[in-house]
Amino acid sequence: MTIHLPQDLERSIQSAVQSGHFSSVDDAMAEAARLLLRSLKEGPQAARKPLTEQELERKLLESGFLASVPPPPDPATPAWSFEPVKIEGEPLSETVIRARR
């Protein structure tokens, strides 16, 4: 089978092969076809179903984006504790105005 892809897709596939994600272009295209067929089989509603927080965390852990899941926040701790930082000296806007003169 011969397929013709837009240059940006072809470069992306070549990059994935060169980086070691796939052993060949054929392997990359086979995986792309499997993903396409799976999404067609599941239907459009399955593709739009939002992930739960636990599902998202599991996927991020599996993909390596997260090393571990942070513990849930303590309900006794206030969600937002903001304390402004005191800065001494001239305001930045005054410094900029003086520098432009």
N, C-alpha and C. Protein backbone atom coordinates (compact mmCIF):
# COMPACT_ATOMS: atom_id res chain seq x y z
N MET A 1 0.85 -1.17 0.00
CA MET A 1 0.00 0.00 0.00
C MET A 1 0.90 1.24 0.00
N THR A 2 0.54 2.19 -0.82
CA THR A 2 1.27 3.45 -0.87
C THR A 2 0.33 4.55 -0.41
N ILE A 3 0.81 5.38 0.51
CA ILE A 3 0.00 6.51 0.96
C ILE A 3 0.80 7.79 0.79
N HIS A 4 0.09 8.88 0.64
CA HIS A 4 0.73 10.19 0.50
C HIS A 4 0.22 11.06 1.63
N LEU A 5 1.15 11.56 2.42
CA LEU A 5 0.81 12.38 3.58
C LEU A 5 1.28 13.81 3.35
N PRO A 6 0.62 14.77 4.02
CA PRO A 6 1.14 16.14 4.00
C PRO A 6 2.55 16.14 4.63
N GLN A 7 3.36 17.08 4.20
CA GLN A 7 4.75 17.11 4.64
C GLN A 7 4.90 17.20 6.15
N ASP A 8 4.02 17.97 6.82
CA ASP A 8 4.16 18.11 8.27
C ASP A 8 3.92 16.77 8.97
N LEU A 9 2.94 15.97 8.51
CA LEU A 9 2.69 14.67 9.10
C LEU A 9 3.85 13.71 8.81
N GLU A 10 4.35 13.76 7.60
CA GLU A 10 5.46 12.89 7.23
C GLU A 10 6.69 13.20 8.10
N ARG A 11 6.96 14.49 8.32
CA ARG A 11 8.10 14.88 9.16
C ARG A 11 7.89 14.41 10.60
N SER A 12 6.66 14.52 11.09
CA SER A 12 6.37 14.09 12.47
C SER A 12 6.59 12.59 12.63
N ILE A 13 6.16 11.82 11.64
CA ILE A 13 6.34 10.37 11.70
C ILE A 13 7.82 10.01 11.62
N GLN A 14 8.54 10.65 10.72
CA GLN A 14 9.98 10.41 10.60
C GLN A 14 10.69 10.75 11.92
N SER A 15 10.28 11.84 12.54
CA SER A 15 10.87 12.26 13.81
C SER A 15 10.60 11.22 14.90
N ALA A 16 9.37 10.69 14.93
CA ALA A 16 9.02 9.66 15.93
C ALA A 16 9.86 8.40 15.72
N VAL A 17 10.12 8.04 14.48
CA VAL A 17 10.96 6.87 14.19
C VAL A 17 12.40 7.14 14.60
N GLN A 18 12.92 8.31 14.23
CA GLN A 18 14.31 8.64 14.54
C GLN A 18 14.56 8.77 16.04
N SER A 19 13.53 9.21 16.78
CA SER A 19 13.70 9.35 18.23
C SER A 19 13.57 8.02 18.96
N GLY A 20 13.21 6.96 18.24
CA GLY A 20 13.14 5.64 18.86
C GLY A 20 11.76 5.23 19.33
N HIS A 21 10.74 6.04 19.11
CA HIS A 21 9.40 5.65 19.52
C HIS A 21 8.89 4.47 18.70
N PHE A 22 9.33 4.37 17.46
CA PHE A 22 8.96 3.27 16.58
C PHE A 22 10.21 2.76 15.89
N SER A 23 10.20 1.47 15.56
CA SER A 23 11.38 0.91 14.90
C SER A 23 11.41 1.20 13.42
N SER A 24 10.25 1.52 12.83
CA SER A 24 10.20 1.84 11.40
C SER A 24 8.97 2.68 11.11
N VAL A 25 8.94 3.25 9.91
CA VAL A 25 7.78 4.02 9.48
C VAL A 25 6.57 3.10 9.40
N ASP A 26 6.79 1.85 8.97
CA ASP A 26 5.67 0.90 8.89
C ASP A 26 5.05 0.67 10.26
N ASP A 27 5.89 0.54 11.31
CA ASP A 27 5.36 0.36 12.67
C ASP A 27 4.56 1.57 13.12
N ALA A 28 5.07 2.76 12.80
CA ALA A 28 4.36 3.98 13.19
C ALA A 28 3.01 4.08 12.49
N MET A 29 2.99 3.76 11.20
CA MET A 29 1.73 3.84 10.45
C MET A 29 0.75 2.75 10.90
N ALA A 30 1.26 1.58 11.26
CA ALA A 30 0.38 0.52 11.76
C ALA A 30 -0.27 0.95 13.08
N GLU A 31 0.51 1.58 13.95
CA GLU A 31 -0.05 2.08 15.22
C GLU A 31 -1.09 3.17 14.96
N ALA A 32 -0.81 4.04 14.01
CA ALA A 32 -1.77 5.10 13.67
C ALA A 32 -3.07 4.49 13.15
N ALA A 33 -2.96 3.46 12.33
CA ALA A 33 -4.16 2.80 11.80
C ALA A 33 -4.93 2.12 12.92
N ARG A 34 -4.22 1.47 13.86
CA ARG A 34 -4.91 0.83 15.00
C ARG A 34 -5.67 1.87 15.82
N LEU A 35 -5.04 3.01 16.08
CA LEU A 35 -5.71 4.06 16.85
C LEU A 35 -6.93 4.60 16.12
N LEU A 36 -6.81 4.77 14.81
CA LEU A 36 -7.93 5.25 14.02
C LEU A 36 -9.08 4.25 14.07
N LEU A 37 -8.79 2.98 13.85
CA LEU A 37 -9.84 1.96 13.86
C LEU A 37 -10.49 1.85 15.23
N ARG A 38 -9.68 1.96 16.30
CA ARG A 38 -10.25 1.89 17.65
C ARG A 38 -11.18 3.08 17.90
N SER A 39 -10.78 4.28 17.47
CA SER A 39 -11.64 5.45 17.69
C SER A 39 -12.91 5.36 16.86
N LEU A 40 -12.82 4.79 15.66
CA LEU A 40 -14.02 4.61 14.84
C LEU A 40 -14.94 3.58 15.46
N LYS A 41 -14.36 2.53 16.03
CA LYS A 41 -15.15 1.47 16.66
C LYS A 41 -15.87 1.98 17.90
N GLU A 42 -15.16 2.81 18.69
CA GLU A 42 -15.75 3.33 19.93
C GLU A 42 -16.80 4.39 19.65
N GLY A 43 -16.72 5.03 18.50
CA GLY A 43 -17.71 6.03 18.14
C GLY A 43 -17.35 7.42 18.62
N PRO A 44 -18.05 8.42 18.10
CA PRO A 44 -17.71 9.80 18.45
C PRO A 44 -18.00 10.15 19.90
N GLN A 45 -18.98 9.51 20.52
CA GLN A 45 -19.30 9.83 21.91
C GLN A 45 -18.17 9.41 22.84
N ALA A 46 -17.52 8.29 22.54
CA ALA A 46 -16.43 7.81 23.40
C ALA A 46 -15.25 8.77 23.34
N ALA A 47 -15.02 9.35 22.19
CA ALA A 47 -13.90 10.28 22.05
C ALA A 47 -14.14 11.56 22.83
N ARG A 48 -15.38 11.95 23.01
CA ARG A 48 -15.70 13.21 23.70
C ARG A 48 -15.91 13.03 25.20
N LYS A 49 -15.94 11.81 25.68
CA LYS A 49 -16.19 11.57 27.09
C LYS A 49 -15.04 12.13 27.93
N PRO A 50 -15.32 13.04 28.85
CA PRO A 50 -14.23 13.61 29.66
C PRO A 50 -13.68 12.56 30.64
N LEU A 51 -12.41 12.69 30.94
CA LEU A 51 -11.77 11.79 31.88
C LEU A 51 -12.07 12.23 33.30
N THR A 52 -12.15 11.26 34.19
CA THR A 52 -12.24 11.61 35.60
C THR A 52 -10.84 12.02 36.06
N GLU A 53 -10.76 12.62 37.20
CA GLU A 53 -9.45 13.05 37.71
C GLU A 53 -8.53 11.86 37.92
N GLN A 54 -9.08 10.74 38.41
CA GLN A 54 -8.28 9.55 38.64
C GLN A 54 -7.79 8.96 37.31
N GLU A 55 -8.63 8.96 36.27
CA GLU A 55 -8.22 8.46 34.96
C GLU A 55 -7.11 9.32 34.37
N LEU A 56 -7.25 10.64 34.51
CA LEU A 56 -6.22 11.55 34.01
C LEU A 56 -4.89 11.32 34.72
N GLU A 57 -4.93 11.20 36.04
CA GLU A 57 -3.71 10.96 36.80
C GLU A 57 -3.07 9.64 36.40
N ARG A 58 -3.89 8.59 36.20
CA ARG A 58 -3.35 7.29 35.79
C ARG A 58 -2.68 7.39 34.42
N LYS A 59 -3.32 8.10 33.47
CA LYS A 59 -2.74 8.26 32.13
C LYS A 59 -1.44 9.07 32.18
N LEU A 60 -1.40 10.11 33.01
CA LEU A 60 -0.19 10.91 33.14
C LEU A 60 0.95 10.12 33.77
N LEU A 61 0.61 9.25 34.73
CA LEU A 61 1.63 8.39 35.33
C LEU A 61 2.16 7.39 34.31
N GLU A 62 1.25 6.77 33.56
CA GLU A 62 1.66 5.77 32.56
C GLU A 62 2.52 6.38 31.46
N SER A 63 2.21 7.62 31.07
CA SER A 63 2.95 8.26 29.98
C SER A 63 4.28 8.84 30.46
N GLY A 64 4.47 8.95 31.78
CA GLY A 64 5.71 9.48 32.30
C GLY A 64 5.69 10.98 32.55
N PHE A 65 4.57 11.63 32.33
CA PHE A 65 4.49 13.07 32.60
C PHE A 65 4.50 13.35 34.10
N LEU A 66 3.99 12.41 34.89
CA LEU A 66 4.03 12.54 36.35
C LEU A 66 4.85 11.40 36.92
N ALA A 67 5.68 11.70 37.90
CA ALA A 67 6.43 10.65 38.59
C ALA A 67 5.58 10.04 39.69
N SER A 68 4.73 10.85 40.30
CA SER A 68 3.82 10.38 41.34
C SER A 68 2.64 11.33 41.41
N VAL A 69 1.57 10.86 42.01
CA VAL A 69 0.37 11.69 42.16
C VAL A 69 0.46 12.41 43.49
N PRO A 70 0.32 13.74 43.50
CA PRO A 70 0.38 14.46 44.78
C PRO A 70 -0.80 14.07 45.67
N PRO A 71 -0.59 14.10 46.98
CA PRO A 71 -1.69 13.73 47.88
C PRO A 71 -2.80 14.77 47.79
N PRO A 72 -4.03 14.35 48.07
CA PRO A 72 -5.14 15.31 48.03
C PRO A 72 -4.95 16.38 49.09
N PRO A 73 -5.47 17.58 48.83
CA PRO A 73 -5.30 18.66 49.81
C PRO A 73 -6.05 18.36 51.11
N ASP A 74 -5.49 18.86 52.20
CA ASP A 74 -6.10 18.69 53.51
C ASP A 74 -7.29 19.64 53.62
N PRO A 75 -8.49 19.12 53.91
CA PRO A 75 -9.66 20.00 54.00
C PRO A 75 -9.54 21.05 55.11
N ALA A 76 -8.70 20.80 56.10
CA ALA A 76 -8.55 21.75 57.20
C ALA A 76 -7.70 22.95 56.79
N THR A 77 -6.91 22.79 55.74
CA THR A 77 -6.04 23.88 55.27
C THR A 77 -6.84 24.76 54.31
N PRO A 78 -6.74 26.09 54.48
CA PRO A 78 -7.47 26.95 53.54
C PRO A 78 -6.94 26.76 52.11
N ALA A 79 -7.86 26.78 51.16
CA ALA A 79 -7.49 26.53 49.77
C ALA A 79 -6.59 27.64 49.23
N TRP A 80 -6.77 28.85 49.72
CA TRP A 80 -6.01 29.97 49.18
C TRP A 80 -5.47 30.79 50.34
N SER A 81 -4.19 30.69 50.55
CA SER A 81 -3.58 31.52 51.58
C SER A 81 -2.54 32.39 50.89
N PHE A 82 -2.90 33.62 50.67
CA PHE A 82 -2.04 34.56 49.95
C PHE A 82 -1.55 35.63 50.89
N GLU A 83 -0.27 35.83 50.88
CA GLU A 83 0.31 36.90 51.67
C GLU A 83 1.22 37.71 50.76
N PRO A 84 0.91 38.99 50.53
CA PRO A 84 1.73 39.77 49.62
C PRO A 84 3.15 39.94 50.14
N VAL A 85 4.07 40.04 49.21
CA VAL A 85 5.47 40.24 49.55
C VAL A 85 5.73 41.73 49.59
N LYS A 86 6.32 42.21 50.67
CA LYS A 86 6.62 43.63 50.79
C LYS A 86 7.91 43.93 50.06
N ILE A 87 7.87 44.94 49.21
CA ILE A 87 9.03 45.33 48.42
C ILE A 87 9.38 46.76 48.81
N GLU A 88 10.63 46.98 49.08
CA GLU A 88 11.08 48.31 49.45
C GLU A 88 11.68 48.99 48.22
N GLY A 89 11.58 50.29 48.18
CA GLY A 89 12.18 51.03 47.10
C GLY A 89 11.14 51.67 46.20
N GLU A 90 11.63 52.22 45.11
CA GLU A 90 10.79 52.95 44.17
C GLU A 90 9.96 51.98 43.33
N PRO A 91 8.69 52.31 43.03
CA PRO A 91 7.88 51.47 42.17
C PRO A 91 8.50 51.35 40.78
N LEU A 92 8.31 50.22 40.15
CA LEU A 92 8.87 49.97 38.83
C LEU A 92 8.42 51.02 37.82
N SER A 93 7.15 51.42 37.88
CA SER A 93 6.66 52.39 36.93
C SER A 93 7.43 53.72 37.05
N GLU A 94 7.76 54.13 38.27
CA GLU A 94 8.54 55.36 38.45
C GLU A 94 9.95 55.20 37.90
N THR A 95 10.52 54.04 38.07
CA THR A 95 11.87 53.77 37.57
C THR A 95 11.87 53.86 36.04
N VAL A 96 10.88 53.31 35.40
CA VAL A 96 10.79 53.32 33.94
C VAL A 96 10.61 54.75 33.44
N ILE A 97 9.74 55.51 34.08
CA ILE A 97 9.51 56.90 33.67
C ILE A 97 10.80 57.71 33.81
N ARG A 98 11.50 57.55 34.91
CA ARG A 98 12.74 58.27 35.14
C ARG A 98 13.79 57.88 34.10
N ALA A 99 13.86 56.61 33.74
CA ALA A 99 14.85 56.13 32.77
C ALA A 99 14.56 56.67 31.37
N ARG A 100 13.32 56.93 31.05
CA ARG A 100 12.96 57.41 29.72
C ARG A 100 13.17 58.92 29.56
N ARG A 101 13.36 59.63 30.65
CA ARG A 101 13.55 61.09 30.58
C ARG A 101 14.88 61.46 30.10
